[in-house]
Amino acid sequence: MPELKAAMLAKDEAKLRALRAIKSAILLAKTSEAGKEMTEEDETKMLQKLVKQRKESIDIYMQQNRADLAKTEQEEVAVIELFLPKMMSEDEIREALKGIIESVGAKSPAEMGKVMGAATKHFAGTADNKIVSMLVKQMLGA
């Protein structure tokens, strides 16, 4: 991992922590599923999980007035997100959802599950599911 060596040489502690966390997660995933090759999709899901964990920690730290710890987590999130695909904007998500809702034929909030199933597959790592869910609710009138 050339980024790890560069972070060590630059004495960039935040980047070093984040890269070590990524390396650790990859090694754990490879050893837990012996013989199974990690796909790019698996790696993306793993990185998203790392980001989600850190964002949850940030929320907890902010509730406890620990801005110093929240800052550490935010620095790591910024580094990990460099390795993730670019996330779609809310407007891009809304446009794609229009097509998904039409193709599924959903008309009411009761059909939100069908839309979310199709949307989750369609967006696969390029959109935040919380935002997708909120937009689907708005668009179906829930």
N, C-alpha and C. Protein backbone atom coordinates (compact mmCIF):
# COMPACT_ATOMS: atom_id res chain seq x y z
N MET A 1 0.85 -1.17 0.00
CA MET A 1 0.00 0.00 0.00
C MET A 1 0.90 1.24 0.00
N PRO A 2 1.14 1.84 -1.18
CA PRO A 2 2.07 2.97 -1.27
C PRO A 2 1.59 4.20 -0.48
N GLU A 3 0.27 4.35 -0.32
CA GLU A 3 -0.26 5.49 0.43
C GLU A 3 0.18 5.42 1.89
N LEU A 4 0.25 4.19 2.43
CA LEU A 4 0.65 3.99 3.82
C LEU A 4 2.08 4.47 4.04
N LYS A 5 2.97 4.09 3.15
CA LYS A 5 4.36 4.50 3.26
C LYS A 5 4.50 6.01 3.13
N ALA A 6 3.75 6.59 2.20
CA ALA A 6 3.80 8.04 2.01
C ALA A 6 3.31 8.77 3.27
N ALA A 7 2.25 8.24 3.89
CA ALA A 7 1.71 8.86 5.12
C ALA A 7 2.73 8.76 6.25
N MET A 8 3.45 7.62 6.30
CA MET A 8 4.48 7.45 7.34
C MET A 8 5.60 8.47 7.15
N LEU A 9 6.06 8.60 5.91
CA LEU A 9 7.14 9.54 5.62
C LEU A 9 6.74 10.98 5.88
N ALA A 10 5.46 11.30 5.59
CA ALA A 10 4.96 12.66 5.78
C ALA A 10 4.57 12.93 7.23
N LYS A 11 4.61 11.87 8.05
CA LYS A 11 4.19 11.96 9.45
C LYS A 11 2.76 12.50 9.58
N ASP A 12 1.90 12.05 8.66
CA ASP A 12 0.49 12.44 8.64
C ASP A 12 -0.29 11.43 9.48
N GLU A 13 -0.46 11.76 10.77
CA GLU A 13 -1.07 10.83 11.72
C GLU A 13 -2.51 10.45 11.35
N ALA A 14 -3.31 11.42 10.92
CA ALA A 14 -4.71 11.13 10.59
C ALA A 14 -4.80 10.15 9.42
N LYS A 15 -4.04 10.43 8.39
CA LYS A 15 -4.05 9.56 7.21
C LYS A 15 -3.50 8.18 7.56
N LEU A 16 -2.50 8.15 8.38
CA LEU A 16 -1.89 6.89 8.79
C LEU A 16 -2.89 6.03 9.57
N ARG A 17 -3.62 6.65 10.49
CA ARG A 17 -4.64 5.91 11.27
C ARG A 17 -5.70 5.33 10.34
N ALA A 18 -6.17 6.14 9.42
CA ALA A 18 -7.24 5.69 8.51
C ALA A 18 -6.75 4.57 7.60
N LEU A 19 -5.55 4.72 7.06
CA LEU A 19 -5.01 3.70 6.16
C LEU A 19 -4.76 2.39 6.91
N ARG A 20 -4.30 2.49 8.14
CA ARG A 20 -4.11 1.27 8.94
C ARG A 20 -5.45 0.60 9.22
N ALA A 21 -6.49 1.38 9.44
CA ALA A 21 -7.82 0.81 9.67
C ALA A 21 -8.31 0.08 8.41
N ILE A 22 -8.07 0.67 7.25
CA ILE A 22 -8.46 0.05 5.98
C ILE A 22 -7.69 -1.26 5.80
N LYS A 23 -6.38 -1.20 6.01
CA LYS A 23 -5.55 -2.40 5.85
C LYS A 23 -6.01 -3.50 6.81
N SER A 24 -6.30 -3.13 8.03
CA SER A 24 -6.75 -4.10 9.02
C SER A 24 -8.07 -4.75 8.60
N ALA A 25 -9.00 -3.94 8.12
CA ALA A 25 -10.30 -4.46 7.69
C ALA A 25 -10.15 -5.40 6.50
N ILE A 26 -9.27 -5.07 5.58
CA ILE A 26 -9.03 -5.93 4.41
C ILE A 26 -8.44 -7.26 4.86
N LEU A 27 -7.45 -7.21 5.74
CA LEU A 27 -6.82 -8.45 6.23
C LEU A 27 -7.83 -9.31 6.98
N LEU A 28 -8.66 -8.69 7.80
CA LEU A 28 -9.70 -9.44 8.52
C LEU A 28 -10.68 -10.10 7.56
N ALA A 29 -11.08 -9.37 6.54
CA ALA A 29 -12.03 -9.91 5.56
C ALA A 29 -11.41 -11.08 4.80
N LYS A 30 -10.15 -10.95 4.44
CA LYS A 30 -9.49 -12.02 3.68
C LYS A 30 -9.30 -13.27 4.53
N THR A 31 -8.97 -13.12 5.80
CA THR A 31 -8.75 -14.29 6.65
C THR A 31 -10.05 -14.92 7.11
N SER A 32 -11.11 -14.13 7.23
CA SER A 32 -12.39 -14.70 7.68
C SER A 32 -13.05 -15.52 6.58
N GLU A 33 -12.77 -15.21 5.36
CA GLU A 33 -13.34 -15.95 4.23
C GLU A 33 -12.20 -16.55 3.41
N ALA A 34 -11.52 -17.51 4.02
CA ALA A 34 -10.34 -18.13 3.40
C ALA A 34 -10.67 -18.67 2.01
N GLY A 35 -9.82 -18.34 1.07
CA GLY A 35 -9.96 -18.84 -0.29
C GLY A 35 -10.87 -17.99 -1.16
N LYS A 36 -11.70 -17.15 -0.57
CA LYS A 36 -12.62 -16.32 -1.35
C LYS A 36 -11.93 -15.00 -1.70
N GLU A 37 -11.91 -14.68 -2.97
CA GLU A 37 -11.30 -13.44 -3.44
C GLU A 37 -12.27 -12.29 -3.19
N MET A 38 -11.75 -11.16 -2.68
CA MET A 38 -12.59 -9.99 -2.46
C MET A 38 -12.82 -9.27 -3.78
N THR A 39 -14.08 -8.99 -4.07
CA THR A 39 -14.41 -8.24 -5.27
C THR A 39 -14.35 -6.75 -4.96
N GLU A 40 -14.39 -5.95 -6.00
CA GLU A 40 -14.38 -4.51 -5.81
C GLU A 40 -15.62 -4.07 -5.04
N GLU A 41 -16.74 -4.74 -5.29
CA GLU A 41 -17.98 -4.42 -4.57
C GLU A 41 -17.84 -4.72 -3.08
N ASP A 42 -17.18 -5.86 -2.75
CA ASP A 42 -16.94 -6.21 -1.35
C ASP A 42 -16.08 -5.14 -0.67
N GLU A 43 -15.07 -4.68 -1.37
CA GLU A 43 -14.17 -3.66 -0.81
C GLU A 43 -14.93 -2.36 -0.59
N THR A 44 -15.79 -1.99 -1.53
CA THR A 44 -16.57 -0.77 -1.39
C THR A 44 -17.49 -0.86 -0.19
N LYS A 45 -18.17 -2.00 -0.03
CA LYS A 45 -19.06 -2.19 1.12
C LYS A 45 -18.28 -2.10 2.43
N MET A 46 -17.10 -2.68 2.45
CA MET A 46 -16.27 -2.65 3.64
C MET A 46 -15.88 -1.21 3.99
N LEU A 47 -15.48 -0.44 2.99
CA LEU A 47 -15.09 0.96 3.22
C LEU A 47 -16.29 1.78 3.68
N GLN A 48 -17.46 1.51 3.11
CA GLN A 48 -18.67 2.22 3.53
C GLN A 48 -18.99 1.90 4.99
N LYS A 49 -18.76 0.66 5.38
CA LYS A 49 -19.00 0.26 6.76
C LYS A 49 -18.06 1.01 7.70
N LEU A 50 -16.79 1.14 7.30
CA LEU A 50 -15.83 1.89 8.11
C LEU A 50 -16.26 3.35 8.27
N VAL A 51 -16.74 3.95 7.18
CA VAL A 51 -17.19 5.34 7.23
C VAL A 51 -18.42 5.45 8.14
N LYS A 52 -19.35 4.51 7.98
CA LYS A 52 -20.57 4.55 8.79
C LYS A 52 -20.24 4.43 10.28
N GLN A 53 -19.33 3.53 10.63
CA GLN A 53 -18.93 3.38 12.03
C GLN A 53 -18.35 4.68 12.58
N ARG A 54 -17.53 5.33 11.79
CA ARG A 54 -16.91 6.56 12.25
C ARG A 54 -17.93 7.70 12.36
N LYS A 55 -18.88 7.74 11.45
CA LYS A 55 -19.91 8.79 11.52
C LYS A 55 -20.80 8.58 12.75
N GLU A 56 -21.08 7.32 13.08
CA GLU A 56 -21.85 7.04 14.30
C GLU A 56 -21.06 7.48 15.53
N SER A 57 -19.76 7.23 15.51
CA SER A 57 -18.90 7.66 16.62
C SER A 57 -18.89 9.18 16.73
N ILE A 58 -18.84 9.86 15.60
CA ILE A 58 -18.85 11.33 15.60
C ILE A 58 -20.11 11.84 16.27
N ASP A 59 -21.27 11.25 15.93
CA ASP A 59 -22.53 11.67 16.54
C ASP A 59 -22.49 11.50 18.06
N ILE A 60 -21.98 10.36 18.50
CA ILE A 60 -21.89 10.09 19.95
C ILE A 60 -20.95 11.09 20.61
N TYR A 61 -19.80 11.31 20.01
CA TYR A 61 -18.83 12.25 20.59
C TYR A 61 -19.39 13.66 20.65
N MET A 62 -20.13 14.07 19.64
CA MET A 62 -20.71 15.41 19.64
C MET A 62 -21.78 15.54 20.74
N GLN A 63 -22.55 14.48 20.96
CA GLN A 63 -23.54 14.49 22.04
C GLN A 63 -22.87 14.62 23.40
N GLN A 64 -21.67 14.07 23.51
CA GLN A 64 -20.94 14.09 24.78
C GLN A 64 -19.98 15.27 24.88
N ASN A 65 -20.10 16.20 23.94
CA ASN A 65 -19.25 17.39 23.90
C ASN A 65 -17.76 17.04 23.87
N ARG A 66 -17.40 16.07 23.05
CA ARG A 66 -16.01 15.66 22.88
C ARG A 66 -15.58 15.98 21.45
N ALA A 67 -15.49 17.24 21.15
CA ALA A 67 -15.12 17.68 19.80
C ALA A 67 -13.74 17.18 19.40
N ASP A 68 -12.85 17.00 20.36
CA ASP A 68 -11.50 16.52 20.05
C ASP A 68 -11.55 15.11 19.46
N LEU A 69 -12.36 14.24 20.06
CA LEU A 69 -12.49 12.87 19.54
C LEU A 69 -13.26 12.85 18.22
N ALA A 70 -14.27 13.71 18.10
CA ALA A 70 -15.05 13.79 16.87
C ALA A 70 -14.15 14.24 15.71
N LYS A 71 -13.24 15.17 16.00
CA LYS A 71 -12.33 15.67 14.95
C LYS A 71 -11.45 14.54 14.43
N THR A 72 -10.98 13.68 15.33
CA THR A 72 -10.14 12.55 14.93
C THR A 72 -10.91 11.63 13.98
N GLU A 73 -12.16 11.35 14.32
CA GLU A 73 -12.98 10.48 13.48
C GLU A 73 -13.26 11.14 12.13
N GLN A 74 -13.51 12.45 12.13
CA GLN A 74 -13.79 13.17 10.89
C GLN A 74 -12.58 13.13 9.96
N GLU A 75 -11.40 13.23 10.52
CA GLU A 75 -10.18 13.16 9.70
C GLU A 75 -10.07 11.79 9.03
N GLU A 76 -10.40 10.74 9.78
CA GLU A 76 -10.34 9.39 9.22
C GLU A 76 -11.40 9.20 8.14
N VAL A 77 -12.60 9.73 8.36
CA VAL A 77 -13.66 9.63 7.36
C VAL A 77 -13.21 10.27 6.05
N ALA A 78 -12.59 11.43 6.14
CA ALA A 78 -12.13 12.14 4.94
C ALA A 78 -11.14 11.29 4.15
N VAL A 79 -10.24 10.60 4.84
CA VAL A 79 -9.24 9.76 4.16
C VAL A 79 -9.92 8.54 3.54
N ILE A 80 -10.77 7.87 4.29
CA ILE A 80 -11.43 6.65 3.78
C ILE A 80 -12.29 6.97 2.57
N GLU A 81 -12.98 8.13 2.60
CA GLU A 81 -13.85 8.50 1.48
C GLU A 81 -13.07 8.72 0.18
N LEU A 82 -11.77 8.97 0.27
CA LEU A 82 -10.95 9.11 -0.94
C LEU A 82 -10.93 7.82 -1.76
N PHE A 83 -11.14 6.69 -1.08
CA PHE A 83 -11.08 5.38 -1.74
C PHE A 83 -12.47 4.88 -2.17
N LEU A 84 -13.50 5.66 -1.90
CA LEU A 84 -14.86 5.28 -2.28
C LEU A 84 -15.25 5.97 -3.58
N PRO A 85 -16.21 5.35 -4.32
CA PRO A 85 -16.70 6.03 -5.53
C PRO A 85 -17.39 7.34 -5.13
N LYS A 86 -17.42 8.29 -6.05
CA LYS A 86 -18.05 9.58 -5.80
C LYS A 86 -19.54 9.37 -5.52
N MET A 87 -20.01 9.99 -4.44
CA MET A 87 -21.41 9.86 -4.06
C MET A 87 -22.26 10.81 -4.93
N MET A 88 -23.47 10.36 -5.23
CA MET A 88 -24.38 11.15 -6.05
C MET A 88 -24.99 12.28 -5.23
N SER A 89 -25.33 13.37 -5.89
CA SER A 89 -25.98 14.49 -5.21
C SER A 89 -27.46 14.16 -5.03
N GLU A 90 -28.11 14.93 -4.19
CA GLU A 90 -29.54 14.71 -3.94
C GLU A 90 -30.36 14.85 -5.22
N ASP A 91 -30.00 15.82 -6.06
CA ASP A 91 -30.73 16.02 -7.32
C ASP A 91 -30.54 14.83 -8.27
N GLU A 92 -29.31 14.31 -8.34
CA GLU A 92 -29.05 13.14 -9.19
C GLU A 92 -29.83 11.92 -8.70
N ILE A 93 -29.89 11.77 -7.38
CA ILE A 93 -30.65 10.65 -6.81
C ILE A 93 -32.13 10.80 -7.14
N ARG A 94 -32.66 12.01 -6.97
CA ARG A 94 -34.07 12.26 -7.24
C ARG A 94 -34.42 11.92 -8.69
N GLU A 95 -33.56 12.34 -9.63
CA GLU A 95 -33.81 12.05 -11.05
C GLU A 95 -33.82 10.54 -11.32
N ALA A 96 -32.85 9.83 -10.75
CA ALA A 96 -32.79 8.38 -10.95
C ALA A 96 -34.00 7.70 -10.31
N LEU A 97 -34.44 8.21 -9.16
CA LEU A 97 -35.60 7.61 -8.47
C LEU A 97 -36.88 7.75 -9.28
N LYS A 98 -37.01 8.85 -10.03
CA LYS A 98 -38.19 9.02 -10.87
C LYS A 98 -38.31 7.84 -11.83
N GLY A 99 -37.21 7.49 -12.47
CA GLY A 99 -37.20 6.36 -13.39
C GLY A 99 -37.46 5.04 -12.69
N ILE A 100 -36.89 4.85 -11.52
CA ILE A 100 -37.07 3.60 -10.77
C ILE A 100 -38.52 3.45 -10.34
N ILE A 101 -39.13 4.54 -9.86
CA ILE A 101 -40.53 4.50 -9.42
C ILE A 101 -41.43 4.17 -10.61
N GLU A 102 -41.14 4.77 -11.77
CA GLU A 102 -41.92 4.48 -12.97
C GLU A 102 -41.78 3.02 -13.38
N SER A 103 -40.54 2.51 -13.40
CA SER A 103 -40.31 1.13 -13.84
C SER A 103 -40.93 0.11 -12.90
N VAL A 104 -40.95 0.42 -11.60
CA VAL A 104 -41.56 -0.48 -10.62
C VAL A 104 -43.08 -0.33 -10.63
N GLY A 105 -43.56 0.85 -11.03
CA GLY A 105 -44.99 1.10 -11.08
C GLY A 105 -45.58 1.45 -9.72
N ALA A 106 -44.77 2.00 -8.84
CA ALA A 106 -45.23 2.34 -7.50
C ALA A 106 -46.05 3.63 -7.54
N LYS A 107 -47.17 3.60 -6.82
CA LYS A 107 -48.05 4.77 -6.78
C LYS A 107 -48.29 5.26 -5.35
N SER A 108 -48.09 4.39 -4.36
CA SER A 108 -48.42 4.77 -2.98
C SER A 108 -47.27 4.43 -2.03
N PRO A 109 -47.31 5.01 -0.83
CA PRO A 109 -46.28 4.72 0.17
C PRO A 109 -46.21 3.24 0.55
N ALA A 110 -47.28 2.51 0.35
CA ALA A 110 -47.30 1.08 0.66
C ALA A 110 -46.33 0.30 -0.22
N GLU A 111 -45.98 0.85 -1.36
CA GLU A 111 -45.08 0.18 -2.30
C GLU A 111 -43.62 0.65 -2.16
N MET A 112 -43.32 1.29 -1.04
CA MET A 112 -41.98 1.81 -0.81
C MET A 112 -40.93 0.70 -0.81
N GLY A 113 -41.27 -0.47 -0.29
CA GLY A 113 -40.34 -1.60 -0.24
C GLY A 113 -39.85 -2.01 -1.61
N LYS A 114 -40.77 -2.05 -2.58
CA LYS A 114 -40.38 -2.41 -3.95
C LYS A 114 -39.40 -1.39 -4.52
N VAL A 115 -39.70 -0.11 -4.29
CA VAL A 115 -38.85 0.96 -4.81
C VAL A 115 -37.48 0.91 -4.15
N MET A 116 -37.45 0.73 -2.83
CA MET A 116 -36.18 0.70 -2.11
C MET A 116 -35.32 -0.49 -2.54
N GLY A 117 -35.94 -1.64 -2.80
CA GLY A 117 -35.20 -2.81 -3.26
C GLY A 117 -34.50 -2.53 -4.59
N ALA A 118 -35.25 -1.94 -5.52
CA ALA A 118 -34.69 -1.62 -6.82
C ALA A 118 -33.64 -0.51 -6.70
N ALA A 119 -33.92 0.48 -5.85
CA ALA A 119 -33.01 1.61 -5.69
C ALA A 119 -31.68 1.18 -5.07
N THR A 120 -31.76 0.29 -4.08
CA THR A 120 -30.54 -0.19 -3.43
C THR A 120 -29.62 -0.87 -4.42
N LYS A 121 -30.20 -1.69 -5.29
CA LYS A 121 -29.39 -2.35 -6.32
C LYS A 121 -28.84 -1.34 -7.32
N HIS A 122 -29.68 -0.39 -7.71
CA HIS A 122 -29.28 0.60 -8.72
C HIS A 122 -28.15 1.49 -8.22
N PHE A 123 -28.25 1.97 -6.98
CA PHE A 123 -27.27 2.93 -6.47
C PHE A 123 -26.02 2.26 -5.92
N ALA A 124 -26.09 1.04 -5.45
CA ALA A 124 -24.97 0.22 -4.95
C ALA A 124 -23.69 0.99 -4.64
N GLY A 125 -23.69 1.69 -3.53
CA GLY A 125 -22.47 2.35 -3.08
C GLY A 125 -22.23 3.73 -3.62
N THR A 126 -23.16 4.26 -4.42
CA THR A 126 -22.96 5.61 -4.96
C THR A 126 -23.93 6.60 -4.36
N ALA A 127 -24.81 6.14 -3.45
CA ALA A 127 -25.77 7.04 -2.81
C ALA A 127 -26.01 6.58 -1.38
N ASP A 128 -26.23 7.55 -0.50
CA ASP A 128 -26.51 7.27 0.90
C ASP A 128 -27.95 6.77 1.01
N ASN A 129 -28.13 5.57 1.58
CA ASN A 129 -29.46 4.97 1.66
C ASN A 129 -30.43 5.79 2.51
N LYS A 130 -29.93 6.56 3.48
CA LYS A 130 -30.81 7.42 4.28
C LYS A 130 -31.45 8.49 3.38
N ILE A 131 -30.64 9.07 2.51
CA ILE A 131 -31.15 10.10 1.59
C ILE A 131 -32.13 9.47 0.60
N VAL A 132 -31.77 8.30 0.08
CA VAL A 132 -32.65 7.61 -0.87
C VAL A 132 -34.00 7.34 -0.21
N SER A 133 -33.98 6.82 1.00
CA SER A 133 -35.22 6.51 1.72
C SER A 133 -36.07 7.76 1.93
N MET A 134 -35.42 8.85 2.35
CA MET A 134 -36.14 10.10 2.57
C MET A 134 -36.79 10.60 1.28
N LEU A 135 -36.06 10.54 0.17
CA LEU A 135 -36.59 11.00 -1.11
C LEU A 135 -37.72 10.12 -1.61
N VAL A 136 -37.58 8.80 -1.41
CA VAL A 136 -38.66 7.89 -1.84
C VAL A 136 -39.93 8.21 -1.06
N LYS A 137 -39.80 8.43 0.24
CA LYS A 137 -40.97 8.77 1.06
C LYS A 137 -41.63 10.05 0.54
N GLN A 138 -40.81 11.06 0.23
CA GLN A 138 -41.34 12.31 -0.29
C GLN A 138 -42.06 12.10 -1.62
N MET A 139 -41.42 11.34 -2.50
CA MET A 139 -41.95 11.17 -3.85
C MET A 139 -43.21 10.31 -3.88
N LEU A 140 -43.33 9.39 -2.92
CA LEU A 140 -44.53 8.55 -2.87
C LEU A 140 -45.60 9.14 -1.96
N GLY A 141 -45.30 10.28 -1.38
CA GLY A 141 -46.29 10.97 -0.55
C GLY A 141 -46.49 10.37 0.82
N ALA A 142 -45.45 9.80 1.38
CA ALA A 142 -45.58 9.20 2.72
C ALA A 142 -45.40 10.24 3.79
